[in-house]
């Protein structure tokens, strides 16, 4: 998937999770600023893992705290494939 496709998927999921219109999801706002709590973060993480066939950790959201940053990171991860455990 491309960065744009991942970003669109994230926006769709966030709008559903937060029960807001997609247009209100700012891709440059931090997840916490959007109103995402830890339980919602885990739900989004699970949806992304399933969609992208990747294993992610909650730290991924802290290291890449916006939809734009997360999408760029995940698009690169999809291209390079999963890394061995412990590698960053």
C-alpha atoms as a PDB file:
ATOM      1  CA  UNK A   1       0.000   0.000   0.000  1.00  0.00           C
ATOM      2  CA  UNK A   2       1.091   3.542  -0.648  1.00  0.00           C
ATOM      3  CA  UNK A   3       1.401   6.287   1.953  1.00  0.00           C
ATOM      4  CA  UNK A   4      -1.785   7.877   0.607  1.00  0.00           C
ATOM      5  CA  UNK A   5      -3.738   4.607   0.802  1.00  0.00           C
ATOM      6  CA  UNK A   6      -2.564   4.029   4.364  1.00  0.00           C
ATOM      7  CA  UNK A   7      -3.405   7.617   5.280  1.00  0.00           C
ATOM      8  CA  UNK A   8      -6.917   7.246   3.841  1.00  0.00           C
ATOM      9  CA  UNK A   9      -7.405   3.986   5.745  1.00  0.00           C
ATOM     10  CA  UNK A  10      -6.232   5.647   8.981  1.00  0.00           C
ATOM     11  CA  UNK A  11      -8.565   8.613   8.470  1.00  0.00           C
ATOM     12  CA  UNK A  12     -11.487   6.272   7.792  1.00  0.00           C
ATOM     13  CA  UNK A  13     -10.711   4.220  10.911  1.00  0.00           C
ATOM     14  CA  UNK A  14     -10.176   7.285  13.111  1.00  0.00           C
ATOM     15  CA  UNK A  15     -13.439   8.844  11.949  1.00  0.00           C
ATOM     16  CA  UNK A  16     -15.240   5.619  12.852  1.00  0.00           C
ATOM     17  CA  UNK A  17     -13.464   5.196  16.205  1.00  0.00           C
ATOM     18  CA  UNK A  18     -13.934   8.835  17.228  1.00  0.00           C
ATOM     19  CA  UNK A  19     -17.401   9.079  15.660  1.00  0.00           C
ATOM     20  CA  UNK A  20     -16.566  12.230  13.748  1.00  0.00           C
ATOM     21  CA  UNK A  21     -16.756  13.118  10.038  1.00  0.00           C
ATOM     22  CA  UNK A  22     -13.658  12.165   8.031  1.00  0.00           C
ATOM     23  CA  UNK A  23     -13.206  15.816   7.119  1.00  0.00           C
ATOM     24  CA  UNK A  24     -12.509  16.619  10.779  1.00  0.00           C
ATOM     25  CA  UNK A  25      -9.536  14.244  11.012  1.00  0.00           C
ATOM     26  CA  UNK A  26      -6.427  16.418  10.692  1.00  0.00           C
ATOM     27  CA  UNK A  27      -3.607  14.219   9.368  1.00  0.00           C
ATOM     28  CA  UNK A  28      -1.034  16.564  10.937  1.00  0.00           C
ATOM     29  CA  UNK A  29      -2.605  16.618  14.430  1.00  0.00           C
ATOM     30  CA  UNK A  30      -1.196  14.342  17.116  1.00  0.00           C
ATOM     31  CA  UNK A  31      -3.346  11.310  17.900  1.00  0.00           C
ATOM     32  CA  UNK A  32      -3.882  12.492  21.494  1.00  0.00           C
ATOM     33  CA  UNK A  33      -5.051  15.882  20.207  1.00  0.00           C
ATOM     34  CA  UNK A  34      -7.598  14.099  18.010  1.00  0.00           C
ATOM     35  CA  UNK A  35      -8.975  12.452  21.158  1.00  0.00           C
ATOM     36  CA  UNK A  36      -7.489   8.974  20.754  1.00  0.00           C
ATOM     37  CA  UNK A  37      -7.024   7.209  24.088  1.00  0.00           C
ATOM     38  CA  UNK A  38      -4.971   4.070  24.748  1.00  0.00           C
ATOM     39  CA  UNK A  39      -7.834   1.633  24.091  1.00  0.00           C
ATOM     40  CA  UNK A  40      -8.643   3.362  20.806  1.00  0.00           C
ATOM     41  CA  UNK A  41      -4.963   3.290  19.870  1.00  0.00           C
ATOM     42  CA  UNK A  42      -4.831  -0.472  20.399  1.00  0.00           C
ATOM     43  CA  UNK A  43      -7.947  -0.904  18.259  1.00  0.00           C
ATOM     44  CA  UNK A  44      -6.421   1.174  15.442  1.00  0.00           C
ATOM     45  CA  UNK A  45      -3.160  -0.755  15.796  1.00  0.00           C
ATOM     46  CA  UNK A  46      -5.006  -4.072  15.382  1.00  0.00           C
ATOM     47  CA  UNK A  47      -6.862  -2.790  12.316  1.00  0.00           C
ATOM     48  CA  UNK A  48      -3.587  -1.641  10.732  1.00  0.00           C
ATOM     49  CA  UNK A  49      -1.853  -4.937  11.539  1.00  0.00           C
ATOM     50  CA  UNK A  50      -4.642  -6.857   9.843  1.00  0.00           C
ATOM     51  CA  UNK A  51      -4.851  -4.545   6.829  1.00  0.00           C
ATOM     52  CA  UNK A  52      -1.083  -4.367   6.247  1.00  0.00           C
ATOM     53  CA  UNK A  53      -0.143  -7.859   7.480  1.00  0.00           C
ATOM     54  CA  UNK A  54       2.452  -6.340   9.813  1.00  0.00           C
ATOM     55  CA  UNK A  55       3.212  -6.686  13.497  1.00  0.00           C
ATOM     56  CA  UNK A  56       3.179  -3.306  15.225  1.00  0.00           C
ATOM     57  CA  UNK A  57       3.709  -2.125  18.781  1.00  0.00           C
ATOM     58  CA  UNK A  58       1.935   0.695  20.626  1.00  0.00           C
ATOM     59  CA  UNK A  59       5.251   2.568  20.629  1.00  0.00           C
ATOM     60  CA  UNK A  60       4.804   2.983  16.874  1.00  0.00           C
ATOM     61  CA  UNK A  61       2.092   5.560  17.615  1.00  0.00           C
ATOM     62  CA  UNK A  62       4.353   7.483  20.009  1.00  0.00           C
ATOM     63  CA  UNK A  63       7.289   7.442  17.588  1.00  0.00           C
ATOM     64  CA  UNK A  64       5.016   8.547  14.704  1.00  0.00           C
ATOM     65  CA  UNK A  65       2.294  10.602  16.455  1.00  0.00           C
ATOM     66  CA  UNK A  66       0.302  11.861  13.453  1.00  0.00           C
ATOM     67  CA  UNK A  67      -1.551  10.171  10.596  1.00  0.00           C
ATOM     68  CA  UNK A  68       0.915  11.707   8.149  1.00  0.00           C
ATOM     69  CA  UNK A  69       4.011  10.505  10.042  1.00  0.00           C
ATOM     70  CA  UNK A  70       2.524   7.073  10.738  1.00  0.00           C
ATOM     71  CA  UNK A  71       1.467   6.592   7.116  1.00  0.00           C
ATOM     72  CA  UNK A  72       4.940   7.462   5.835  1.00  0.00           C
ATOM     73  CA  UNK A  73       6.543   5.042   8.307  1.00  0.00           C
ATOM     74  CA  UNK A  74       4.113   2.219   7.541  1.00  0.00           C
ATOM     75  CA  UNK A  75       4.414   2.679   3.766  1.00  0.00           C
ATOM     76  CA  UNK A  76       8.180   2.248   4.123  1.00  0.00           C
ATOM     77  CA  UNK A  77       7.710  -0.773   6.405  1.00  0.00           C
ATOM     78  CA  UNK A  78       5.370  -2.411   3.876  1.00  0.00           C
ATOM     79  CA  UNK A  79       8.003  -1.956   1.154  1.00  0.00           C
ATOM     80  CA  UNK A  80      10.912  -3.300   3.240  1.00  0.00           C
ATOM     81  CA  UNK A  81       8.928  -6.040   4.948  1.00  0.00           C
ATOM     82  CA  UNK A  82       8.989  -7.038   8.600  1.00  0.00           C
ATOM     83  CA  UNK A  83      12.269  -6.716  10.489  1.00  0.00           C
ATOM     84  CA  UNK A  84      13.608  -9.287  12.944  1.00  0.00           C
ATOM     85  CA  UNK A  85      12.524  -8.902  16.578  1.00  0.00           C
ATOM     86  CA  UNK A  86      14.488  -6.210  18.371  1.00  0.00           C
ATOM     87  CA  UNK A  87      15.444  -4.356  15.201  1.00  0.00           C
ATOM     88  CA  UNK A  88      14.297  -0.759  14.749  1.00  0.00           C
END
